[in-house]
């Protein structure tokens, strides 16, 4: 059974684990509440009971993301890759080399909240989309047990730019419009025109 310890302002769990006759306890910290640590410990114990070996080597998020981009996204255009490099810079800026295994949903939501200040919805959506896909692959590779980006709320403060609204004129209407403009400019007469829908 796991034991829960408070370390500073966060909680950590420790699970007894024996590998090849040697004691190799599994520890993970950074949980905001004792309950979060208990839930994560229970999930880890369930994996161990199913015979799944947890990924014990830590994976810094900045390195993992950059390697993931190089492996899966290197075929993209330079313009698209710029967006991934922007995401990488935001990850490094906020998380540094914090291991994926230590990032909680709470940590990630705080990151999104900070990212969204003076950013548009499109920017926040792109960054979140990149990280979400990367983290899901880490889950698939059993590096982490769950996707901490799931159900995250996107925060942004810059409203979307309004698109230019154009009026399109159908070809049959162009002759009428041209005639109307010409006669109006020359002051001959004013004709009310009706454009077809």
N, C-alpha and C. Protein backbone atom coordinates (compact mmCIF):
# COMPACT_ATOMS: atom_id res chain seq x y z
N UNK A 1 0.84 -1.19 0.00
CA UNK A 1 0.00 0.00 0.00
C UNK A 1 0.88 1.25 0.00
N UNK A 2 0.39 2.28 -0.70
CA UNK A 2 1.18 3.50 -0.84
C UNK A 2 1.14 4.34 0.43
N UNK A 3 2.23 5.05 0.65
CA UNK A 3 2.23 6.02 1.75
C UNK A 3 2.31 7.41 1.13
N UNK A 4 1.63 8.36 1.77
CA UNK A 4 1.57 9.74 1.26
C UNK A 4 2.32 10.64 2.22
N UNK A 5 3.21 11.47 1.67
CA UNK A 5 3.98 12.40 2.49
C UNK A 5 3.78 13.82 1.96
N UNK A 6 3.80 14.78 2.86
CA UNK A 6 3.74 16.18 2.45
C UNK A 6 5.17 16.69 2.33
N UNK A 7 5.46 17.30 1.17
CA UNK A 7 6.80 17.84 0.94
C UNK A 7 6.64 19.30 0.54
N UNK A 8 6.86 20.18 1.50
CA UNK A 8 6.65 21.61 1.25
C UNK A 8 5.17 21.88 1.10
N UNK A 9 4.77 22.43 -0.05
CA UNK A 9 3.36 22.75 -0.29
C UNK A 9 2.64 21.66 -1.07
N UNK A 10 3.36 20.62 -1.49
CA UNK A 10 2.74 19.56 -2.28
C UNK A 10 2.88 18.21 -1.60
N UNK A 11 2.22 17.19 -2.20
CA UNK A 11 2.24 15.84 -1.65
C UNK A 11 2.94 14.88 -2.59
N UNK A 12 3.48 13.82 -1.99
CA UNK A 12 4.20 12.80 -2.74
C UNK A 12 3.71 11.43 -2.28
N UNK A 13 3.66 10.48 -3.22
CA UNK A 13 3.36 9.11 -2.79
C UNK A 13 4.60 8.23 -2.95
N UNK A 14 4.68 7.20 -2.13
CA UNK A 14 5.75 6.20 -2.22
C UNK A 14 5.08 4.83 -2.22
N UNK A 15 5.43 4.00 -3.21
CA UNK A 15 4.87 2.65 -3.32
C UNK A 15 6.02 1.66 -3.23
N UNK A 16 5.85 0.66 -2.37
CA UNK A 16 6.87 -0.40 -2.27
C UNK A 16 6.90 -1.16 -3.58
N UNK A 17 8.11 -1.44 -4.06
CA UNK A 17 8.25 -2.15 -5.33
C UNK A 17 9.56 -2.93 -5.30
N UNK A 18 9.50 -4.18 -5.73
CA UNK A 18 10.70 -5.03 -5.74
C UNK A 18 10.96 -5.47 -7.17
N UNK A 19 12.19 -5.23 -7.66
CA UNK A 19 12.60 -5.63 -9.00
C UNK A 19 13.83 -6.51 -8.89
N UNK A 20 13.72 -7.75 -9.38
CA UNK A 20 14.81 -8.72 -9.31
C UNK A 20 15.36 -8.88 -7.89
N UNK A 21 14.46 -8.93 -6.93
CA UNK A 21 14.84 -9.13 -5.54
C UNK A 21 15.35 -7.89 -4.84
N UNK A 22 15.42 -6.77 -5.56
CA UNK A 22 15.91 -5.53 -4.95
C UNK A 22 14.76 -4.54 -4.77
N UNK A 23 14.79 -3.86 -3.63
CA UNK A 23 13.76 -2.87 -3.35
C UNK A 23 13.97 -1.61 -4.19
N UNK A 24 12.97 -1.28 -5.02
CA UNK A 24 13.03 -0.07 -5.84
C UNK A 24 11.70 0.66 -5.71
N UNK A 25 11.55 1.41 -4.60
CA UNK A 25 10.27 2.11 -4.40
C UNK A 25 9.97 3.10 -5.51
N UNK A 26 8.69 3.26 -5.77
CA UNK A 26 8.24 4.21 -6.79
C UNK A 26 7.73 5.45 -6.07
N UNK A 27 8.30 6.59 -6.43
CA UNK A 27 7.89 7.85 -5.81
C UNK A 27 7.49 8.86 -6.88
N UNK A 28 6.46 9.60 -6.55
CA UNK A 28 6.06 10.70 -7.44
C UNK A 28 5.47 11.80 -6.60
N UNK A 29 5.89 13.04 -6.89
CA UNK A 29 5.42 14.19 -6.11
C UNK A 29 4.79 15.26 -6.96
N UNK A 30 4.57 16.40 -6.34
CA UNK A 30 4.01 17.55 -7.04
C UNK A 30 2.50 17.61 -7.02
N UNK A 31 1.85 16.78 -6.18
CA UNK A 31 0.39 16.80 -6.12
C UNK A 31 -0.10 17.91 -5.21
N UNK A 32 -1.12 18.62 -5.65
CA UNK A 32 -1.62 19.78 -4.93
C UNK A 32 -2.30 19.38 -3.63
N UNK A 33 -3.02 18.24 -3.65
CA UNK A 33 -3.72 17.79 -2.45
C UNK A 33 -3.35 16.35 -2.13
N UNK A 34 -3.63 15.96 -0.90
CA UNK A 34 -3.37 14.58 -0.47
C UNK A 34 -4.24 13.61 -1.27
N UNK A 35 -5.48 14.04 -1.58
CA UNK A 35 -6.40 13.20 -2.34
C UNK A 35 -5.88 12.93 -3.75
N UNK A 36 -5.31 13.96 -4.40
CA UNK A 36 -4.73 13.76 -5.74
C UNK A 36 -3.61 12.73 -5.69
N UNK A 37 -2.77 12.81 -4.67
CA UNK A 37 -1.66 11.87 -4.52
C UNK A 37 -2.19 10.45 -4.30
N UNK A 38 -3.25 10.31 -3.50
CA UNK A 38 -3.85 8.98 -3.24
C UNK A 38 -4.40 8.37 -4.52
N UNK A 39 -5.10 9.20 -5.32
CA UNK A 39 -5.69 8.70 -6.57
C UNK A 39 -4.60 8.25 -7.54
N UNK A 40 -3.55 9.07 -7.68
CA UNK A 40 -2.45 8.71 -8.58
C UNK A 40 -1.74 7.45 -8.10
N UNK A 41 -1.56 7.32 -6.79
CA UNK A 41 -0.91 6.12 -6.23
C UNK A 41 -1.75 4.88 -6.50
N UNK A 42 -3.07 5.01 -6.35
CA UNK A 42 -3.97 3.88 -6.61
C UNK A 42 -3.88 3.44 -8.07
N UNK A 43 -3.79 4.41 -8.99
CA UNK A 43 -3.66 4.09 -10.42
C UNK A 43 -2.34 3.35 -10.69
N UNK A 44 -1.27 3.82 -10.04
CA UNK A 44 0.03 3.18 -10.22
C UNK A 44 0.01 1.75 -9.67
N UNK A 45 -0.62 1.57 -8.51
CA UNK A 45 -0.71 0.23 -7.92
C UNK A 45 -1.54 -0.70 -8.81
N UNK A 46 -2.57 -0.17 -9.43
CA UNK A 46 -3.39 -0.97 -10.36
C UNK A 46 -2.54 -1.44 -11.53
N UNK A 47 -1.70 -0.54 -12.06
CA UNK A 47 -0.81 -0.93 -13.16
C UNK A 47 0.15 -2.03 -12.73
N UNK A 48 0.72 -1.87 -11.53
CA UNK A 48 1.66 -2.88 -11.03
C UNK A 48 0.97 -4.23 -10.85
N UNK A 49 -0.27 -4.21 -10.36
CA UNK A 49 -1.02 -5.46 -10.16
C UNK A 49 -1.36 -6.14 -11.48
N UNK A 50 -1.46 -5.35 -12.56
CA UNK A 50 -1.74 -5.92 -13.89
C UNK A 50 -0.46 -6.40 -14.56
N UNK A 51 0.67 -6.21 -13.89
CA UNK A 51 1.94 -6.64 -14.47
C UNK A 51 2.59 -5.61 -15.37
N UNK A 52 2.01 -4.41 -15.41
CA UNK A 52 2.61 -3.35 -16.23
C UNK A 52 3.73 -2.68 -15.45
N UNK A 53 4.87 -2.58 -16.07
CA UNK A 53 6.01 -1.95 -15.40
C UNK A 53 5.96 -0.46 -15.66
N UNK A 54 5.90 0.35 -14.61
CA UNK A 54 5.87 1.80 -14.82
C UNK A 54 7.19 2.31 -15.37
N UNK A 55 7.11 3.37 -16.12
CA UNK A 55 8.29 4.01 -16.68
C UNK A 55 8.93 4.85 -15.59
N UNK A 56 10.04 4.35 -15.05
CA UNK A 56 10.62 4.98 -13.87
C UNK A 56 11.61 6.10 -14.20
N UNK A 57 12.14 6.08 -15.42
CA UNK A 57 13.09 7.12 -15.80
C UNK A 57 12.33 8.41 -16.09
N UNK A 58 12.77 9.50 -15.49
CA UNK A 58 12.06 10.76 -15.70
C UNK A 58 12.33 11.30 -17.12
N UNK A 59 11.33 11.96 -17.66
CA UNK A 59 11.44 12.55 -19.00
C UNK A 59 11.13 14.04 -18.93
N UNK A 60 12.15 14.90 -18.98
CA UNK A 60 11.89 16.34 -18.95
C UNK A 60 10.98 16.74 -20.11
N UNK A 61 9.96 17.53 -19.81
CA UNK A 61 8.95 17.87 -20.83
C UNK A 61 9.55 18.64 -22.00
N UNK A 62 10.51 19.52 -21.74
CA UNK A 62 11.08 20.30 -22.84
C UNK A 62 11.83 19.41 -23.83
N UNK A 63 12.63 18.47 -23.30
CA UNK A 63 13.38 17.55 -24.16
C UNK A 63 12.43 16.59 -24.89
N UNK A 64 11.45 16.08 -24.14
CA UNK A 64 10.53 15.12 -24.74
C UNK A 64 9.76 15.77 -25.90
N UNK A 65 9.30 17.01 -25.69
CA UNK A 65 8.54 17.70 -26.74
C UNK A 65 9.42 17.93 -27.97
N UNK A 66 10.64 18.42 -27.77
CA UNK A 66 11.53 18.69 -28.91
C UNK A 66 11.85 17.41 -29.67
N UNK A 67 12.09 16.32 -28.95
CA UNK A 67 12.36 15.03 -29.61
C UNK A 67 11.13 14.54 -30.38
N UNK A 68 9.95 14.77 -29.78
CA UNK A 68 8.69 14.37 -30.41
C UNK A 68 8.48 15.13 -31.71
N UNK A 69 8.74 16.43 -31.70
CA UNK A 69 8.60 17.26 -32.91
C UNK A 69 9.56 16.76 -33.98
N UNK A 70 10.79 16.49 -33.59
CA UNK A 70 11.80 16.02 -34.55
C UNK A 70 11.40 14.67 -35.15
N UNK A 71 10.84 13.80 -34.33
CA UNK A 71 10.47 12.45 -34.78
C UNK A 71 9.22 12.44 -35.65
N UNK A 72 8.18 13.18 -35.23
CA UNK A 72 6.89 13.09 -35.90
C UNK A 72 6.52 14.27 -36.80
N UNK A 73 7.18 15.41 -36.64
CA UNK A 73 6.75 16.61 -37.35
C UNK A 73 7.80 17.19 -38.29
N UNK A 74 8.94 16.53 -38.44
CA UNK A 74 10.03 17.11 -39.23
C UNK A 74 9.67 17.25 -40.72
N UNK A 75 8.65 16.53 -41.19
CA UNK A 75 8.24 16.59 -42.60
C UNK A 75 7.39 17.83 -42.92
N UNK A 76 6.98 18.56 -41.88
CA UNK A 76 6.11 19.72 -42.08
C UNK A 76 6.87 20.90 -42.67
N UNK A 77 6.12 21.84 -43.22
CA UNK A 77 6.75 23.03 -43.81
C UNK A 77 7.40 23.88 -42.71
N UNK A 78 8.33 24.73 -43.11
CA UNK A 78 9.02 25.59 -42.15
C UNK A 78 8.04 26.53 -41.46
N UNK A 79 7.03 26.99 -42.20
CA UNK A 79 6.03 27.88 -41.61
C UNK A 79 5.27 27.17 -40.49
N UNK A 80 4.91 25.91 -40.71
CA UNK A 80 4.18 25.15 -39.69
C UNK A 80 5.10 24.81 -38.53
N UNK A 81 6.33 24.46 -38.82
CA UNK A 81 7.28 24.13 -37.76
C UNK A 81 7.53 25.31 -36.83
N UNK A 82 7.39 26.53 -37.36
CA UNK A 82 7.55 27.72 -36.51
C UNK A 82 6.56 27.70 -35.35
N UNK A 83 5.36 27.22 -35.61
CA UNK A 83 4.34 27.14 -34.55
C UNK A 83 4.78 26.16 -33.46
N UNK A 84 5.40 25.05 -33.87
CA UNK A 84 5.88 24.07 -32.90
C UNK A 84 7.06 24.63 -32.10
N UNK A 85 7.90 25.42 -32.76
CA UNK A 85 9.03 26.04 -32.05
C UNK A 85 8.52 27.08 -31.04
N UNK A 86 7.44 27.75 -31.41
CA UNK A 86 6.82 28.71 -30.48
C UNK A 86 6.31 27.96 -29.24
N UNK A 87 5.65 26.82 -29.47
CA UNK A 87 5.15 26.00 -28.35
C UNK A 87 6.31 25.53 -27.48
N UNK A 88 7.39 25.09 -28.11
CA UNK A 88 8.56 24.62 -27.38
C UNK A 88 9.11 25.73 -26.48
N UNK A 89 9.16 26.95 -27.01
CA UNK A 89 9.67 28.08 -26.22
C UNK A 89 8.77 28.36 -25.01
N UNK A 90 7.44 28.25 -25.19
CA UNK A 90 6.51 28.47 -24.08
C UNK A 90 6.65 27.38 -23.02
N UNK A 91 6.89 26.13 -23.45
CA UNK A 91 7.09 25.02 -22.51
C UNK A 91 8.33 25.28 -21.67
N UNK A 92 9.44 25.61 -22.34
CA UNK A 92 10.71 25.86 -21.65
C UNK A 92 10.58 27.05 -20.70
N UNK A 93 9.89 28.08 -21.16
CA UNK A 93 9.70 29.29 -20.37
C UNK A 93 8.94 29.00 -19.06
N UNK A 94 7.92 28.14 -19.13
CA UNK A 94 7.08 27.90 -17.96
C UNK A 94 7.54 26.69 -17.14
N UNK A 95 7.77 25.56 -17.81
CA UNK A 95 8.07 24.32 -17.10
C UNK A 95 9.57 24.05 -16.96
N UNK A 96 10.38 24.65 -17.83
CA UNK A 96 11.80 24.32 -17.82
C UNK A 96 11.99 22.85 -18.17
N UNK A 97 12.77 22.14 -17.36
CA UNK A 97 13.00 20.71 -17.59
C UNK A 97 12.25 19.85 -16.59
N UNK A 98 11.10 20.32 -16.14
CA UNK A 98 10.29 19.54 -15.19
C UNK A 98 9.87 18.22 -15.85
N UNK A 99 10.03 17.10 -15.16
CA UNK A 99 9.65 15.81 -15.75
C UNK A 99 8.16 15.72 -16.03
N UNK A 100 7.83 15.07 -17.14
CA UNK A 100 6.43 14.82 -17.48
C UNK A 100 5.71 14.15 -16.32
N UNK A 101 6.42 13.24 -15.64
CA UNK A 101 5.82 12.47 -14.55
C UNK A 101 5.40 13.32 -13.37
N UNK A 102 5.91 14.54 -13.28
CA UNK A 102 5.60 15.40 -12.13
C UNK A 102 4.59 16.49 -12.45
N UNK A 103 4.12 16.54 -13.70
CA UNK A 103 3.16 17.58 -14.09
C UNK A 103 1.74 17.06 -13.87
N UNK A 104 0.97 17.83 -13.12
CA UNK A 104 -0.41 17.45 -12.83
C UNK A 104 -1.37 18.29 -13.68
N UNK A 105 -2.64 17.91 -13.68
CA UNK A 105 -3.66 18.69 -14.38
C UNK A 105 -3.68 20.12 -13.85
N UNK A 106 -3.50 20.25 -12.55
CA UNK A 106 -3.49 21.57 -11.91
C UNK A 106 -2.33 22.42 -12.45
N UNK A 107 -1.13 21.81 -12.54
CA UNK A 107 0.04 22.52 -13.08
C UNK A 107 -0.24 22.99 -14.51
N UNK A 108 -0.82 22.08 -15.30
CA UNK A 108 -1.05 22.39 -16.71
C UNK A 108 -2.09 23.50 -16.88
N UNK A 109 -3.13 23.48 -16.06
CA UNK A 109 -4.14 24.54 -16.14
C UNK A 109 -3.54 25.89 -15.76
N UNK A 110 -2.67 25.89 -14.77
CA UNK A 110 -1.98 27.14 -14.40
C UNK A 110 -1.15 27.66 -15.58
N UNK A 111 -0.49 26.74 -16.28
CA UNK A 111 0.29 27.11 -17.47
C UNK A 111 -0.61 27.76 -18.52
N UNK A 112 -1.77 27.14 -18.81
CA UNK A 112 -2.70 27.70 -19.80
C UNK A 112 -3.23 29.06 -19.37
N UNK A 113 -3.53 29.19 -18.08
CA UNK A 113 -4.03 30.48 -17.57
C UNK A 113 -3.01 31.58 -17.80
N UNK A 114 -1.75 31.28 -17.52
CA UNK A 114 -0.69 32.29 -17.70
C UNK A 114 -0.45 32.55 -19.19
N UNK A 115 -0.46 31.47 -19.99
CA UNK A 115 -0.23 31.61 -21.43
C UNK A 115 -1.28 32.51 -22.07
N UNK A 116 -2.53 32.39 -21.61
CA UNK A 116 -3.64 33.10 -22.24
C UNK A 116 -3.66 34.60 -22.03
N UNK A 117 -2.84 35.10 -21.11
CA UNK A 117 -2.80 36.55 -20.88
C UNK A 117 -2.22 37.22 -22.13
N UNK A 118 -2.97 38.14 -22.70
CA UNK A 118 -2.57 38.87 -23.92
C UNK A 118 -2.36 37.96 -25.13
N UNK A 119 -3.05 36.81 -25.14
CA UNK A 119 -2.97 35.91 -26.29
C UNK A 119 -4.36 35.69 -26.87
N UNK A 120 -4.40 35.35 -28.15
CA UNK A 120 -5.68 35.09 -28.82
C UNK A 120 -6.09 33.63 -28.63
N UNK A 121 -7.35 33.36 -28.90
CA UNK A 121 -7.86 31.99 -28.81
C UNK A 121 -7.08 31.07 -29.73
N UNK A 122 -6.78 31.53 -30.94
CA UNK A 122 -6.07 30.71 -31.93
C UNK A 122 -4.70 30.29 -31.41
N UNK A 123 -3.97 31.22 -30.79
CA UNK A 123 -2.63 30.91 -30.27
C UNK A 123 -2.71 29.88 -29.16
N UNK A 124 -3.62 30.08 -28.22
CA UNK A 124 -3.76 29.16 -27.09
C UNK A 124 -4.20 27.78 -27.58
N UNK A 125 -5.12 27.74 -28.55
CA UNK A 125 -5.59 26.47 -29.10
C UNK A 125 -4.44 25.70 -29.75
N UNK A 126 -3.59 26.41 -30.50
CA UNK A 126 -2.47 25.74 -31.18
C UNK A 126 -1.49 25.16 -30.17
N UNK A 127 -1.10 25.96 -29.19
CA UNK A 127 -0.14 25.49 -28.18
C UNK A 127 -0.72 24.28 -27.44
N UNK A 128 -1.96 24.39 -27.01
CA UNK A 128 -2.60 23.29 -26.30
C UNK A 128 -2.71 22.04 -27.18
N UNK A 129 -3.04 22.23 -28.44
CA UNK A 129 -3.15 21.09 -29.37
C UNK A 129 -1.83 20.37 -29.55
N UNK A 130 -0.75 21.13 -29.67
CA UNK A 130 0.58 20.52 -29.82
C UNK A 130 0.94 19.71 -28.57
N UNK A 131 0.77 20.34 -27.41
CA UNK A 131 1.17 19.67 -26.17
C UNK A 131 0.27 18.45 -25.91
N UNK A 132 -1.03 18.60 -26.17
CA UNK A 132 -1.97 17.50 -25.93
C UNK A 132 -1.59 16.26 -26.75
N UNK A 133 -1.25 16.47 -28.03
CA UNK A 133 -0.87 15.35 -28.90
C UNK A 133 0.43 14.70 -28.42
N UNK A 134 1.39 15.52 -28.02
CA UNK A 134 2.67 15.02 -27.52
C UNK A 134 2.48 14.20 -26.25
N UNK A 135 1.69 14.74 -25.32
CA UNK A 135 1.47 14.06 -24.04
C UNK A 135 0.70 12.75 -24.25
N UNK A 136 -0.22 12.74 -25.20
CA UNK A 136 -0.96 11.49 -25.48
C UNK A 136 0.00 10.40 -25.96
N UNK A 137 1.00 10.78 -26.76
CA UNK A 137 1.99 9.79 -27.20
C UNK A 137 2.82 9.29 -26.01
N UNK A 138 3.09 10.17 -25.06
CA UNK A 138 3.81 9.75 -23.85
C UNK A 138 2.98 8.75 -23.05
N UNK A 139 1.66 8.94 -23.04
CA UNK A 139 0.76 7.98 -22.38
C UNK A 139 0.79 6.66 -23.13
N UNK A 140 0.70 6.72 -24.46
CA UNK A 140 0.71 5.50 -25.28
C UNK A 140 2.01 4.72 -25.10
N UNK A 141 3.10 5.43 -24.87
CA UNK A 141 4.40 4.78 -24.66
C UNK A 141 4.62 4.39 -23.19
N UNK A 142 3.60 4.58 -22.36
CA UNK A 142 3.62 4.25 -20.94
C UNK A 142 4.72 5.00 -20.17
N UNK A 143 5.01 6.20 -20.65
CA UNK A 143 5.96 7.05 -19.93
C UNK A 143 5.26 7.72 -18.76
N UNK A 144 3.99 8.07 -18.98
CA UNK A 144 3.14 8.60 -17.91
C UNK A 144 1.81 7.85 -17.95
N UNK A 145 1.10 7.76 -16.80
CA UNK A 145 -0.12 6.96 -16.77
C UNK A 145 -1.35 7.63 -17.36
N UNK A 146 -1.38 8.97 -17.43
CA UNK A 146 -2.58 9.64 -17.94
C UNK A 146 -2.21 10.97 -18.57
N UNK A 147 -3.13 11.45 -19.41
CA UNK A 147 -2.91 12.70 -20.13
C UNK A 147 -3.38 13.88 -19.28
N UNK A 148 -2.44 14.61 -18.73
CA UNK A 148 -2.79 15.72 -17.83
C UNK A 148 -3.39 16.92 -18.57
N UNK A 149 -3.42 16.88 -19.91
CA UNK A 149 -4.02 17.99 -20.67
C UNK A 149 -5.52 17.77 -20.89
N UNK A 150 -6.02 16.60 -20.55
CA UNK A 150 -7.42 16.25 -20.81
C UNK A 150 -8.37 17.21 -20.09
N UNK A 151 -9.37 17.69 -20.83
CA UNK A 151 -10.41 18.60 -20.30
C UNK A 151 -9.86 19.93 -19.77
N UNK A 152 -8.68 20.31 -20.21
CA UNK A 152 -8.14 21.60 -19.77
C UNK A 152 -8.97 22.73 -20.37
N UNK A 153 -9.11 23.80 -19.62
CA UNK A 153 -9.91 24.95 -20.06
C UNK A 153 -8.99 25.97 -20.71
N UNK A 154 -9.32 26.39 -21.92
CA UNK A 154 -8.49 27.36 -22.63
C UNK A 154 -8.86 28.78 -22.20
N UNK A 155 -7.86 29.53 -21.79
CA UNK A 155 -8.04 30.90 -21.34
C UNK A 155 -7.32 31.82 -22.33
N UNK A 156 -7.98 32.88 -22.77
CA UNK A 156 -7.34 33.85 -23.65
C UNK A 156 -8.01 35.21 -23.43
N UNK A 157 -7.27 36.28 -23.72
CA UNK A 157 -7.79 37.61 -23.44
C UNK A 157 -7.90 38.50 -24.67
N UNK A 158 -7.27 38.11 -25.76
CA UNK A 158 -7.33 38.92 -26.98
C UNK A 158 -8.45 38.40 -27.87
N UNK A 159 -9.45 39.25 -28.19
CA UNK A 159 -10.55 38.77 -29.04
C UNK A 159 -10.05 38.45 -30.44
N UNK A 160 -10.75 37.55 -31.09
CA UNK A 160 -10.37 37.17 -32.46
C UNK A 160 -10.55 38.36 -33.39
N UNK A 161 -9.66 38.45 -34.39
CA UNK A 161 -9.75 39.55 -35.35
C UNK A 161 -10.98 39.34 -36.23
N UNK A 162 -11.68 40.46 -36.49
CA UNK A 162 -12.84 40.37 -37.36
C UNK A 162 -12.37 40.20 -38.80
N UNK A 163 -13.02 39.27 -39.48
CA UNK A 163 -12.68 39.06 -40.88
C UNK A 163 -13.32 40.16 -41.72
N UNK A 164 -12.63 40.54 -42.81
CA UNK A 164 -13.19 41.53 -43.72
C UNK A 164 -14.45 40.97 -44.36
N UNK A 165 -15.48 41.76 -44.36
CA UNK A 165 -16.71 41.33 -44.99
C UNK A 165 -16.80 41.97 -46.37
N UNK A 166 -16.88 41.13 -47.38
CA UNK A 166 -16.92 41.59 -48.76
C UNK A 166 -18.33 41.42 -49.31
N UNK A 167 -18.70 42.32 -50.20
CA UNK A 167 -19.97 42.19 -50.90
C UNK A 167 -19.65 41.64 -52.29
N UNK A 168 -20.24 40.52 -52.61
CA UNK A 168 -20.01 39.91 -53.91
C UNK A 168 -21.19 40.22 -54.83
N UNK A 169 -20.89 40.60 -56.05
CA UNK A 169 -21.93 40.93 -57.03
C UNK A 169 -21.92 39.85 -58.10
N UNK A 170 -23.11 39.34 -58.41
CA UNK A 170 -23.22 38.31 -59.45
C UNK A 170 -23.01 38.95 -60.82
N UNK A 171 -22.55 38.16 -61.76
CA UNK A 171 -22.20 38.68 -63.09
C UNK A 171 -23.35 39.43 -63.76
N UNK A 172 -24.60 38.89 -63.76
CA UNK A 172 -25.69 39.66 -64.42
C UNK A 172 -25.90 41.03 -63.78
N UNK A 173 -25.60 41.15 -62.48
CA UNK A 173 -25.82 42.43 -61.81
C UNK A 173 -24.74 43.46 -62.12
N UNK A 174 -23.58 43.00 -62.59
CA UNK A 174 -22.49 43.95 -62.84
C UNK A 174 -22.84 44.95 -63.94
N UNK A 175 -23.60 44.49 -64.96
CA UNK A 175 -23.99 45.39 -66.06
C UNK A 175 -24.91 46.49 -65.53
N UNK A 176 -25.88 46.09 -64.70
CA UNK A 176 -26.81 47.06 -64.14
C UNK A 176 -26.07 48.04 -63.24
N UNK A 177 -25.16 47.48 -62.42
CA UNK A 177 -24.41 48.33 -61.50
C UNK A 177 -23.52 49.31 -62.26
N UNK A 178 -22.88 48.82 -63.32
CA UNK A 178 -22.01 49.67 -64.13
C UNK A 178 -22.81 50.80 -64.77
N UNK A 179 -23.97 50.43 -65.31
CA UNK A 179 -24.83 51.44 -65.94
C UNK A 179 -25.29 52.47 -64.91
N UNK A 180 -25.67 52.00 -63.73
CA UNK A 180 -26.14 52.89 -62.67
C UNK A 180 -25.04 53.88 -62.26
N UNK A 181 -23.82 53.34 -62.06
CA UNK A 181 -22.70 54.20 -61.64
C UNK A 181 -22.37 55.23 -62.71
N UNK A 182 -22.36 54.79 -63.97
CA UNK A 182 -22.02 55.70 -65.07
C UNK A 182 -23.03 56.82 -65.19
N UNK A 183 -24.31 56.48 -65.17
CA UNK A 183 -25.34 57.50 -65.33
C UNK A 183 -25.41 58.42 -64.12
N UNK A 184 -25.14 57.89 -62.94
CA UNK A 184 -25.18 58.72 -61.73
C UNK A 184 -24.02 59.72 -61.72
N UNK A 185 -22.85 59.25 -62.12
CA UNK A 185 -21.66 60.13 -62.17
C UNK A 185 -21.90 61.28 -63.13
N UNK A 186 -22.49 60.97 -64.28
CA UNK A 186 -22.74 62.01 -65.28
C UNK A 186 -23.97 62.83 -64.95
N UNK A 187 -24.68 62.50 -63.89
CA UNK A 187 -25.83 63.28 -63.45
C UNK A 187 -27.03 63.18 -64.36
N UNK A 188 -27.09 62.13 -65.18
CA UNK A 188 -28.19 61.99 -66.12
C UNK A 188 -29.48 61.71 -65.35
N UNK A 189 -29.52 60.64 -64.58
CA UNK A 189 -30.69 60.33 -63.77
C UNK A 189 -30.33 59.27 -62.74
N UNK A 190 -31.19 59.10 -61.78
CA UNK A 190 -31.00 58.09 -60.76
C UNK A 190 -31.98 56.96 -60.95
N UNK A 191 -31.46 55.74 -61.01
CA UNK A 191 -32.31 54.58 -61.20
C UNK A 191 -32.17 53.69 -59.99
N UNK A 192 -33.24 53.38 -59.31
CA UNK A 192 -33.11 52.40 -58.23
C UNK A 192 -32.85 51.02 -58.83
N UNK A 193 -31.85 50.34 -58.35
CA UNK A 193 -31.57 49.01 -58.90
C UNK A 193 -31.79 47.96 -57.84
N UNK A 194 -32.11 46.78 -58.32
CA UNK A 194 -32.34 45.65 -57.43
C UNK A 194 -31.37 44.56 -57.80
N UNK A 195 -30.53 44.16 -56.86
CA UNK A 195 -29.57 43.10 -57.14
C UNK A 195 -30.22 41.76 -56.86
N UNK A 196 -29.95 40.79 -57.74
CA UNK A 196 -30.53 39.46 -57.50
C UNK A 196 -29.85 38.79 -56.33
N UNK A 197 -30.61 37.93 -55.64
CA UNK A 197 -30.08 37.24 -54.45
C UNK A 197 -29.44 35.93 -54.84
